[in-house]
């Protein structure tokens, strides 16, 4: 199954490894000394998924809030729930402040790793991306990646009803990031100084010897918005691109052929 043709995930299917974790209170077996020198255990709160999860492997990080995962022999594009990272992939938009940093932070957290996908209410968004909370675990502790990116200040808390299970946690993490002036809440980039317009050079009195006229270069036959080269034609679709053996293609300009349906900078995936 190709990305963009998403079928509902059955967490109980043989291809999906499912684990259910709920917040509990455990006793920390690591003893700490009291004022009298006695060693006593202390209570520790365990944070983790509150619903069924599907185990998957991260194949590629798209940007600060989107990844591609594999499980059950298929690949799926996953959009994080409850937060939004600055844009870097929309060919019709400029790269937003902290967008590259959000992608870098997301990559550092999940690239190539095993993650656990937790669904809320919705299955997919309008681009057919799975909507999920993405969890990491080291065997004893859980990290909610969506929340961690907000905590680092490279993404903002953004509610997407009806998927609001952890909205309060996101809001609290954003407040802490703002208070610490992290990422998006730190110093904004300094404005670029205007480059002075050079004064026109005075024309020489003597006429220079004219140079031989260079032959004009032939016009490029490649559409400037796509890499590898796609021909300039009235229209082109993904089946045509695949027949030419050039899929997938990077969309680096206006998507005239409408190959990048989910606006992630990659067409005909």
C-alpha atoms as a PDB file:
ATOM      1  CA  UNK A   1       0.000   0.000   0.000  1.00  0.00           C
ATOM      2  CA  UNK A   2       1.462   3.364  -0.966  1.00  0.00           C
ATOM      3  CA  UNK A   3       1.455   6.435   1.239  1.00  0.00           C
ATOM      4  CA  UNK A   4      -1.696   8.433   0.584  1.00  0.00           C
ATOM      5  CA  UNK A   5      -3.857   5.291   0.380  1.00  0.00           C
ATOM      6  CA  UNK A   6      -4.337   4.818   4.090  1.00  0.00           C
ATOM      7  CA  UNK A   7      -6.547   2.121   5.498  1.00  0.00           C
ATOM      8  CA  UNK A   8      -7.767   2.213   9.113  1.00  0.00           C
ATOM      9  CA  UNK A   9      -5.329   0.554  11.470  1.00  0.00           C
ATOM     10  CA  UNK A  10      -6.561  -2.442  13.409  1.00  0.00           C
ATOM     11  CA  UNK A  11      -4.420  -2.438  16.579  1.00  0.00           C
ATOM     12  CA  UNK A  12      -5.373  -6.085  17.128  1.00  0.00           C
ATOM     13  CA  UNK A  13      -4.130  -7.259  13.700  1.00  0.00           C
ATOM     14  CA  UNK A  14      -1.160  -9.638  13.498  1.00  0.00           C
ATOM     15  CA  UNK A  15       0.937  -6.944  11.832  1.00  0.00           C
ATOM     16  CA  UNK A  16       0.556  -4.398  14.604  1.00  0.00           C
ATOM     17  CA  UNK A  17       2.297  -4.963  17.918  1.00  0.00           C
ATOM     18  CA  UNK A  18      -0.057  -3.564  20.542  1.00  0.00           C
ATOM     19  CA  UNK A  19       0.662  -2.580  24.108  1.00  0.00           C
ATOM     20  CA  UNK A  20      -1.642  -0.829  26.561  1.00  0.00           C
ATOM     21  CA  UNK A  21      -0.072   1.426  29.149  1.00  0.00           C
ATOM     22  CA  UNK A  22      -1.868   3.549  31.730  1.00  0.00           C
ATOM     23  CA  UNK A  23      -0.509   6.112  34.194  1.00  0.00           C
ATOM     24  CA  UNK A  24       0.107   4.423  37.506  1.00  0.00           C
ATOM     25  CA  UNK A  25       1.955   5.142  40.706  1.00  0.00           C
ATOM     26  CA  UNK A  26       4.907   2.861  41.352  1.00  0.00           C
ATOM     27  CA  UNK A  27       7.403   2.603  44.145  1.00  0.00           C
ATOM     28  CA  UNK A  28      10.889   3.633  43.162  1.00  0.00           C
ATOM     29  CA  UNK A  29      13.130   0.756  44.143  1.00  0.00           C
ATOM     30  CA  UNK A  30      16.121   3.099  44.223  1.00  0.00           C
ATOM     31  CA  UNK A  31      16.457   3.813  47.939  1.00  0.00           C
ATOM     32  CA  UNK A  32      17.359   7.289  49.205  1.00  0.00           C
ATOM     33  CA  UNK A  33      18.935   8.113  52.592  1.00  0.00           C
ATOM     34  CA  UNK A  34      16.953   9.915  55.309  1.00  0.00           C
ATOM     35  CA  UNK A  35      18.348  12.321  57.882  1.00  0.00           C
ATOM     36  CA  UNK A  36      19.020   9.340  60.143  1.00  0.00           C
ATOM     37  CA  UNK A  37      20.903   7.456  57.455  1.00  0.00           C
ATOM     38  CA  UNK A  38      18.150   4.876  56.803  1.00  0.00           C
ATOM     39  CA  UNK A  39      17.423   3.945  53.197  1.00  0.00           C
ATOM     40  CA  UNK A  40      13.760   4.206  52.179  1.00  0.00           C
ATOM     41  CA  UNK A  41      12.032   3.931  48.778  1.00  0.00           C
ATOM     42  CA  UNK A  42      10.104   6.899  47.430  1.00  0.00           C
ATOM     43  CA  UNK A  43       6.924   7.018  45.254  1.00  0.00           C
ATOM     44  CA  UNK A  44       7.320   7.780  41.537  1.00  0.00           C
ATOM     45  CA  UNK A  45       4.592   8.633  39.028  1.00  0.00           C
ATOM     46  CA  UNK A  46       4.740   6.753  35.705  1.00  0.00           C
ATOM     47  CA  UNK A  47       3.746   8.631  32.559  1.00  0.00           C
ATOM     48  CA  UNK A  48       2.819   6.802  29.378  1.00  0.00           C
ATOM     49  CA  UNK A  49       0.138   6.058  26.774  1.00  0.00           C
ATOM     50  CA  UNK A  50      -3.442   5.779  28.022  1.00  0.00           C
ATOM     51  CA  UNK A  51      -4.758   3.728  25.110  1.00  0.00           C
ATOM     52  CA  UNK A  52      -3.657   0.939  22.760  1.00  0.00           C
ATOM     53  CA  UNK A  53      -0.467   1.573  20.781  1.00  0.00           C
ATOM     54  CA  UNK A  54       0.951   0.250  17.514  1.00  0.00           C
ATOM     55  CA  UNK A  55       4.688  -0.385  17.291  1.00  0.00           C
ATOM     56  CA  UNK A  56       6.372   1.085  14.195  1.00  0.00           C
ATOM     57  CA  UNK A  57       9.787   2.102  12.855  1.00  0.00           C
ATOM     58  CA  UNK A  58      10.501   5.659  11.715  1.00  0.00           C
ATOM     59  CA  UNK A  59      11.634   5.541   8.077  1.00  0.00           C
ATOM     60  CA  UNK A  60      11.927   9.274   7.411  1.00  0.00           C
ATOM     61  CA  UNK A  61      11.406  12.600   9.161  1.00  0.00           C
ATOM     62  CA  UNK A  62       9.460  14.980   6.897  1.00  0.00           C
ATOM     63  CA  UNK A  63       9.538  18.078   9.118  1.00  0.00           C
ATOM     64  CA  UNK A  64       8.867  19.155  12.686  1.00  0.00           C
ATOM     65  CA  UNK A  65       5.421  17.535  12.960  1.00  0.00           C
ATOM     66  CA  UNK A  66       5.315  14.796  10.293  1.00  0.00           C
ATOM     67  CA  UNK A  67       7.137  11.484   9.875  1.00  0.00           C
ATOM     68  CA  UNK A  68       6.939   8.363   7.721  1.00  0.00           C
ATOM     69  CA  UNK A  69       6.760   5.047   9.590  1.00  0.00           C
ATOM     70  CA  UNK A  70       6.708   1.389   8.613  1.00  0.00           C
ATOM     71  CA  UNK A  71       4.877  -1.537  10.184  1.00  0.00           C
ATOM     72  CA  UNK A  72       3.149  -4.627   8.882  1.00  0.00           C
ATOM     73  CA  UNK A  73       5.134  -4.424   5.660  1.00  0.00           C
ATOM     74  CA  UNK A  74       3.660  -1.020   4.697  1.00  0.00           C
ATOM     75  CA  UNK A  75       4.657   2.634   5.075  1.00  0.00           C
ATOM     76  CA  UNK A  76       2.411   5.376   6.442  1.00  0.00           C
ATOM     77  CA  UNK A  77       2.739   9.136   6.804  1.00  0.00           C
ATOM     78  CA  UNK A  78       1.967  10.260  10.380  1.00  0.00           C
ATOM     79  CA  UNK A  79       0.968  13.769  11.502  1.00  0.00           C
ATOM     80  CA  UNK A  80       1.531  14.540  15.193  1.00  0.00           C
ATOM     81  CA  UNK A  81      -1.622  15.446  17.163  1.00  0.00           C
ATOM     82  CA  UNK A  82      -1.963  18.492  19.410  1.00  0.00           C
ATOM     83  CA  UNK A  83       0.876  20.653  18.119  1.00  0.00           C
ATOM     84  CA  UNK A  84       2.144  22.471  15.049  1.00  0.00           C
ATOM     85  CA  UNK A  85       5.713  23.109  13.916  1.00  0.00           C
ATOM     86  CA  UNK A  86       6.916  25.977  11.696  1.00  0.00           C
ATOM     87  CA  UNK A  87       6.606  25.311   7.950  1.00  0.00           C
ATOM     88  CA  UNK A  88       9.583  24.198   5.843  1.00  0.00           C
ATOM     89  CA  UNK A  89       8.105  22.060   3.032  1.00  0.00           C
ATOM     90  CA  UNK A  90       5.301  24.112   1.472  1.00  0.00           C
ATOM     91  CA  UNK A  91       6.615  25.179  -1.980  1.00  0.00           C
ATOM     92  CA  UNK A  92       4.220  28.147  -1.907  1.00  0.00           C
ATOM     93  CA  UNK A  93       5.476  29.468   1.467  1.00  0.00           C
ATOM     94  CA  UNK A  94       8.742  30.795   2.820  1.00  0.00           C
ATOM     95  CA  UNK A  95      10.649  28.724   5.369  1.00  0.00           C
ATOM     96  CA  UNK A  96       9.274  29.914   8.714  1.00  0.00           C
ATOM     97  CA  UNK A  97      11.308  30.989  11.734  1.00  0.00           C
ATOM     98  CA  UNK A  98      12.564  27.898  13.667  1.00  0.00           C
ATOM     99  CA  UNK A  99      11.284  25.551  10.949  1.00  0.00           C
ATOM    100  CA  UNK A 100      14.703  23.933  10.285  1.00  0.00           C
ATOM    101  CA  UNK A 101      15.348  23.698  14.035  1.00  0.00           C
ATOM    102  CA  UNK A 102      12.010  21.908  14.534  1.00  0.00           C
ATOM    103  CA  UNK A 103      12.919  19.374  11.849  1.00  0.00           C
ATOM    104  CA  UNK A 104      16.352  18.876  13.426  1.00  0.00           C
ATOM    105  CA  UNK A 105      14.846  18.359  16.892  1.00  0.00           C
ATOM    106  CA  UNK A 106      12.301  15.875  15.555  1.00  0.00           C
ATOM    107  CA  UNK A 107      15.040  13.994  13.692  1.00  0.00           C
ATOM    108  CA  UNK A 108      17.182  13.778  16.821  1.00  0.00           C
ATOM    109  CA  UNK A 109      14.262  12.327  18.764  1.00  0.00           C
ATOM    110  CA  UNK A 110      12.849   9.698  16.395  1.00  0.00           C
ATOM    111  CA  UNK A 111      14.838   9.125  13.188  1.00  0.00           C
ATOM    112  CA  UNK A 112      15.342   5.382  12.641  1.00  0.00           C
ATOM    113  CA  UNK A 113      13.879   4.523  16.042  1.00  0.00           C
ATOM    114  CA  UNK A 114      11.053   2.300  17.219  1.00  0.00           C
ATOM    115  CA  UNK A 115       8.014   4.369  18.200  1.00  0.00           C
ATOM    116  CA  UNK A 116       4.551   3.585  19.533  1.00  0.00           C
ATOM    117  CA  UNK A 117       1.575   5.202  17.819  1.00  0.00           C
ATOM    118  CA  UNK A 118      -1.465   6.074  19.940  1.00  0.00           C
ATOM    119  CA  UNK A 119      -4.742   7.071  18.299  1.00  0.00           C
ATOM    120  CA  UNK A 120      -7.214   9.539  19.821  1.00  0.00           C
ATOM    121  CA  UNK A 121     -10.567   9.890  17.998  1.00  0.00           C
ATOM    122  CA  UNK A 122      -9.711  10.660  14.364  1.00  0.00           C
ATOM    123  CA  UNK A 123      -7.986   8.163  12.071  1.00  0.00           C
ATOM    124  CA  UNK A 124      -6.565  10.435   9.337  1.00  0.00           C
ATOM    125  CA  UNK A 125      -6.486  14.093   8.324  1.00  0.00           C
ATOM    126  CA  UNK A 126      -7.606  15.571   5.002  1.00  0.00           C
ATOM    127  CA  UNK A 127      -4.279  14.570   3.431  1.00  0.00           C
ATOM    128  CA  UNK A 128      -4.779  10.914   4.483  1.00  0.00           C
ATOM    129  CA  UNK A 129      -1.984  11.141   7.058  1.00  0.00           C
ATOM    130  CA  UNK A 130      -2.458   9.065  10.207  1.00  0.00           C
ATOM    131  CA  UNK A 131      -3.206  11.274  13.220  1.00  0.00           C
ATOM    132  CA  UNK A 132      -1.294   9.923  16.186  1.00  0.00           C
ATOM    133  CA  UNK A 133       0.467  10.605  19.463  1.00  0.00           C
ATOM    134  CA  UNK A 134       4.012   9.316  18.971  1.00  0.00           C
ATOM    135  CA  UNK A 135       5.739   7.731  21.967  1.00  0.00           C
ATOM    136  CA  UNK A 136       9.290   6.622  22.712  1.00  0.00           C
ATOM    137  CA  UNK A 137      10.295   4.368  25.590  1.00  0.00           C
ATOM    138  CA  UNK A 138      13.598   3.231  27.056  1.00  0.00           C
ATOM    139  CA  UNK A 139      11.913   0.334  28.831  1.00  0.00           C
ATOM    140  CA  UNK A 140      11.211   2.218  32.060  1.00  0.00           C
ATOM    141  CA  UNK A 141      10.132   5.717  31.021  1.00  0.00           C
ATOM    142  CA  UNK A 142       7.957   7.111  28.218  1.00  0.00           C
ATOM    143  CA  UNK A 143       8.487  10.261  26.122  1.00  0.00           C
ATOM    144  CA  UNK A 144       5.597  11.801  24.181  1.00  0.00           C
ATOM    145  CA  UNK A 145       7.430  13.222  21.160  1.00  0.00           C
ATOM    146  CA  UNK A 146       4.612  15.659  20.280  1.00  0.00           C
ATOM    147  CA  UNK A 147       4.830  17.110  23.798  1.00  0.00           C
ATOM    148  CA  UNK A 148       8.642  17.149  23.870  1.00  0.00           C
ATOM    149  CA  UNK A 149       8.829  19.344  20.760  1.00  0.00           C
ATOM    150  CA  UNK A 150       6.466  21.863  22.389  1.00  0.00           C
ATOM    151  CA  UNK A 151       8.535  21.688  25.582  1.00  0.00           C
ATOM    152  CA  UNK A 152      11.700  22.509  23.592  1.00  0.00           C
ATOM    153  CA  UNK A 153       9.998  25.570  22.094  1.00  0.00           C
ATOM    154  CA  UNK A 154      10.277  24.417  18.458  1.00  0.00           C
ATOM    155  CA  UNK A 155       6.519  23.771  18.095  1.00  0.00           C
ATOM    156  CA  UNK A 156       3.360  25.348  19.472  1.00  0.00           C
ATOM    157  CA  UNK A 157       0.439  23.728  21.268  1.00  0.00           C
ATOM    158  CA  UNK A 158      -2.520  23.622  18.893  1.00  0.00           C
ATOM    159  CA  UNK A 159      -5.835  21.946  19.675  1.00  0.00           C
ATOM    160  CA  UNK A 160      -7.461  19.814  16.965  1.00  0.00           C
ATOM    161  CA  UNK A 161     -10.865  18.699  18.330  1.00  0.00           C
ATOM    162  CA  UNK A 162     -12.009  16.021  18.810  1.00  0.00           C
ATOM    163  CA  UNK A 163      -8.408  14.828  19.374  1.00  0.00           C
ATOM    164  CA  UNK A 164      -7.697  16.650  22.634  1.00  0.00           C
ATOM    165  CA  UNK A 165      -6.520  13.909  25.034  1.00  0.00           C
ATOM    166  CA  UNK A 166      -3.281  15.649  26.056  1.00  0.00           C
ATOM    167  CA  UNK A 167      -4.138  19.292  25.304  1.00  0.00           C
ATOM    168  CA  UNK A 168      -3.642  20.384  28.931  1.00  0.00           C
ATOM    169  CA  UNK A 169      -0.126  18.914  28.945  1.00  0.00           C
ATOM    170  CA  UNK A 170       0.722  20.752  25.725  1.00  0.00           C
ATOM    171  CA  UNK A 171      -0.545  24.060  27.135  1.00  0.00           C
ATOM    172  CA  UNK A 172       1.551  23.657  30.286  1.00  0.00           C
ATOM    173  CA  UNK A 173       4.665  22.750  28.252  1.00  0.00           C
ATOM    174  CA  UNK A 174       4.214  25.829  26.058  1.00  0.00           C
ATOM    175  CA  UNK A 175       3.902  28.064  29.126  1.00  0.00           C
ATOM    176  CA  UNK A 176       7.195  26.669  30.451  1.00  0.00           C
ATOM    177  CA  UNK A 177       8.922  27.186  27.069  1.00  0.00           C
ATOM    178  CA  UNK A 178       7.698  30.780  26.927  1.00  0.00           C
ATOM    179  CA  UNK A 179       8.914  31.442  30.474  1.00  0.00           C
ATOM    180  CA  UNK A 180      12.356  30.031  29.617  1.00  0.00           C
ATOM    181  CA  UNK A 181      12.498  31.954  26.277  1.00  0.00           C
ATOM    182  CA  UNK A 182      13.197  28.740  24.370  1.00  0.00           C
ATOM    183  CA  UNK A 183      13.144  28.409  20.590  1.00  0.00           C
ATOM    184  CA  UNK A 184      10.186  30.309  19.170  1.00  0.00           C
ATOM    185  CA  UNK A 185      10.028  32.447  22.313  1.00  0.00           C
ATOM    186  CA  UNK A 186      13.684  33.479  22.282  1.00  0.00           C
ATOM    187  CA  UNK A 187      15.340  36.268  20.355  1.00  0.00           C
ATOM    188  CA  UNK A 188      13.963  36.714  16.853  1.00  0.00           C
ATOM    189  CA  UNK A 189      16.436  36.943  13.964  1.00  0.00           C
ATOM    190  CA  UNK A 190      17.977  40.388  13.425  1.00  0.00           C
ATOM    191  CA  UNK A 191      16.630  42.140  10.342  1.00  0.00           C
ATOM    192  CA  UNK A 192      18.915  41.916   7.333  1.00  0.00           C
ATOM    193  CA  UNK A 193      20.611  45.243   6.636  1.00  0.00           C
ATOM    194  CA  UNK A 194      19.719  46.814   3.340  1.00  0.00           C
ATOM    195  CA  UNK A 195      22.487  46.609   0.761  1.00  0.00           C
ATOM    196  CA  UNK A 196      23.263  50.101  -0.638  1.00  0.00           C
ATOM    197  CA  UNK A 197      22.551  50.510  -4.315  1.00  0.00           C
ATOM    198  CA  UNK A 198      25.845  50.913  -6.186  1.00  0.00           C
ATOM    199  CA  UNK A 199      26.315  54.141  -8.092  1.00  0.00           C
ATOM    200  CA  UNK A 200      26.369  53.776 -11.883  1.00  0.00           C
ATOM    201  CA  UNK A 201      29.849  53.632 -13.350  1.00  0.00           C
ATOM    202  CA  UNK A 202      30.696  56.509 -15.662  1.00  0.00           C
ATOM    203  CA  UNK A 203      30.843  55.511 -19.288  1.00  0.00           C
ATOM    204  CA  UNK A 204      34.327  55.581 -20.793  1.00  0.00           C
ATOM    205  CA  UNK A 205      34.955  58.159 -23.467  1.00  0.00           C
ATOM    206  CA  UNK A 206      36.596  55.700 -25.810  1.00  0.00           C
ATOM    207  CA  UNK A 207      34.369  53.077 -27.298  1.00  0.00           C
ATOM    208  CA  UNK A 208      35.507  49.595 -26.286  1.00  0.00           C
ATOM    209  CA  UNK A 209      36.128  47.022 -28.944  1.00  0.00           C
ATOM    210  CA  UNK A 210      32.886  45.052 -29.266  1.00  0.00           C
ATOM    211  CA  UNK A 211      33.119  41.428 -28.226  1.00  0.00           C
ATOM    212  CA  UNK A 212      31.827  38.784 -30.572  1.00  0.00           C
ATOM    213  CA  UNK A 213      28.221  37.964 -29.841  1.00  0.00           C
ATOM    214  CA  UNK A 214      27.898  34.683 -27.963  1.00  0.00           C
ATOM    215  CA  UNK A 215      25.492  32.168 -29.330  1.00  0.00           C
ATOM    216  CA  UNK A 216      22.360  32.003 -27.175  1.00  0.00           C
ATOM    217  CA  UNK A 217      22.141  28.942 -24.967  1.00  0.00           C
ATOM    218  CA  UNK A 218      19.294  26.594 -25.809  1.00  0.00           C
ATOM    219  CA  UNK A 219      16.319  26.918 -23.462  1.00  0.00           C
ATOM    220  CA  UNK A 220      16.105  24.254 -20.773  1.00  0.00           C
ATOM    221  CA  UNK A 221      13.702  21.448 -21.497  1.00  0.00           C
ATOM    222  CA  UNK A 222      13.304  20.681 -17.781  1.00  0.00           C
ATOM    223  CA  UNK A 223      10.539  22.113 -15.622  1.00  0.00           C
ATOM    224  CA  UNK A 224      12.298  24.249 -12.942  1.00  0.00           C
ATOM    225  CA  UNK A 225       9.999  23.059 -10.126  1.00  0.00           C
ATOM    226  CA  UNK A 226      11.007  19.391 -10.145  1.00  0.00           C
ATOM    227  CA  UNK A 227      14.127  17.333  -9.444  1.00  0.00           C
ATOM    228  CA  UNK A 228      14.973  15.047 -11.236  1.00  0.00           C
ATOM    229  CA  UNK A 229      14.194  16.679 -14.583  1.00  0.00           C
ATOM    230  CA  UNK A 230      10.610  16.494 -15.780  1.00  0.00           C
ATOM    231  CA  UNK A 231       9.713  17.729 -19.281  1.00  0.00           C
ATOM    232  CA  UNK A 232       7.789  20.954 -19.791  1.00  0.00           C
ATOM    233  CA  UNK A 233       4.402  19.795 -21.058  1.00  0.00           C
ATOM    234  CA  UNK A 234       0.766  20.837 -20.695  1.00  0.00           C
ATOM    235  CA  UNK A 235       0.163  18.325 -17.902  1.00  0.00           C
ATOM    236  CA  UNK A 236       1.856  15.387 -16.219  1.00  0.00           C
ATOM    237  CA  UNK A 237       0.613  13.007 -13.532  1.00  0.00           C
ATOM    238  CA  UNK A 238       2.265  10.507 -11.194  1.00  0.00           C
ATOM    239  CA  UNK A 239       1.640   7.432 -13.402  1.00  0.00           C
ATOM    240  CA  UNK A 240       3.485   9.280 -16.204  1.00  0.00           C
ATOM    241  CA  UNK A 241       6.363  10.120 -13.812  1.00  0.00           C
ATOM    242  CA  UNK A 242       6.616   6.529 -12.636  1.00  0.00           C
ATOM    243  CA  UNK A 243       6.685   5.243 -16.233  1.00  0.00           C
ATOM    244  CA  UNK A 244       9.647   7.553 -16.833  1.00  0.00           C
ATOM    245  CA  UNK A 245      11.370   6.007 -13.777  1.00  0.00           C
ATOM    246  CA  UNK A 246      11.699   9.369 -11.999  1.00  0.00           C
ATOM    247  CA  UNK A 247       9.429   8.927  -8.960  1.00  0.00           C
ATOM    248  CA  UNK A 248       9.580  10.227  -6.326  1.00  0.00           C
ATOM    249  CA  UNK A 249      10.476  13.802  -7.258  1.00  0.00           C
ATOM    250  CA  UNK A 250      11.451  16.764  -5.078  1.00  0.00           C
ATOM    251  CA  UNK A 251       9.048  19.680  -5.540  1.00  0.00           C
ATOM    252  CA  UNK A 252      11.226  22.811  -5.349  1.00  0.00           C
ATOM    253  CA  UNK A 253       8.900  25.374  -6.864  1.00  0.00           C
ATOM    254  CA  UNK A 254       5.247  25.912  -7.833  1.00  0.00           C
ATOM    255  CA  UNK A 255       3.660  22.475  -8.221  1.00  0.00           C
ATOM    256  CA  UNK A 256       2.187  23.053 -11.711  1.00  0.00           C
ATOM    257  CA  UNK A 257       1.651  19.334 -12.296  1.00  0.00           C
ATOM    258  CA  UNK A 258      -0.001  18.828  -8.835  1.00  0.00           C
ATOM    259  CA  UNK A 259       2.252  15.895  -7.955  1.00  0.00           C
ATOM    260  CA  UNK A 260       2.675  16.821  -4.250  1.00  0.00           C
ATOM    261  CA  UNK A 261      -0.831  16.232  -2.923  1.00  0.00           C
ATOM    262  CA  UNK A 262       0.128  16.434   0.773  1.00  0.00           C
ATOM    263  CA  UNK A 263       2.447  19.451   0.403  1.00  0.00           C
ATOM    264  CA  UNK A 264       5.471  17.792   2.031  1.00  0.00           C
ATOM    265  CA  UNK A 265       7.897  18.694  -0.747  1.00  0.00           C
ATOM    266  CA  UNK A 266       7.950  15.192  -2.234  1.00  0.00           C
ATOM    267  CA  UNK A 267       5.768  14.211  -5.205  1.00  0.00           C
ATOM    268  CA  UNK A 268       4.620  10.808  -6.492  1.00  0.00           C
ATOM    269  CA  UNK A 269       5.758   8.959  -3.330  1.00  0.00           C
END
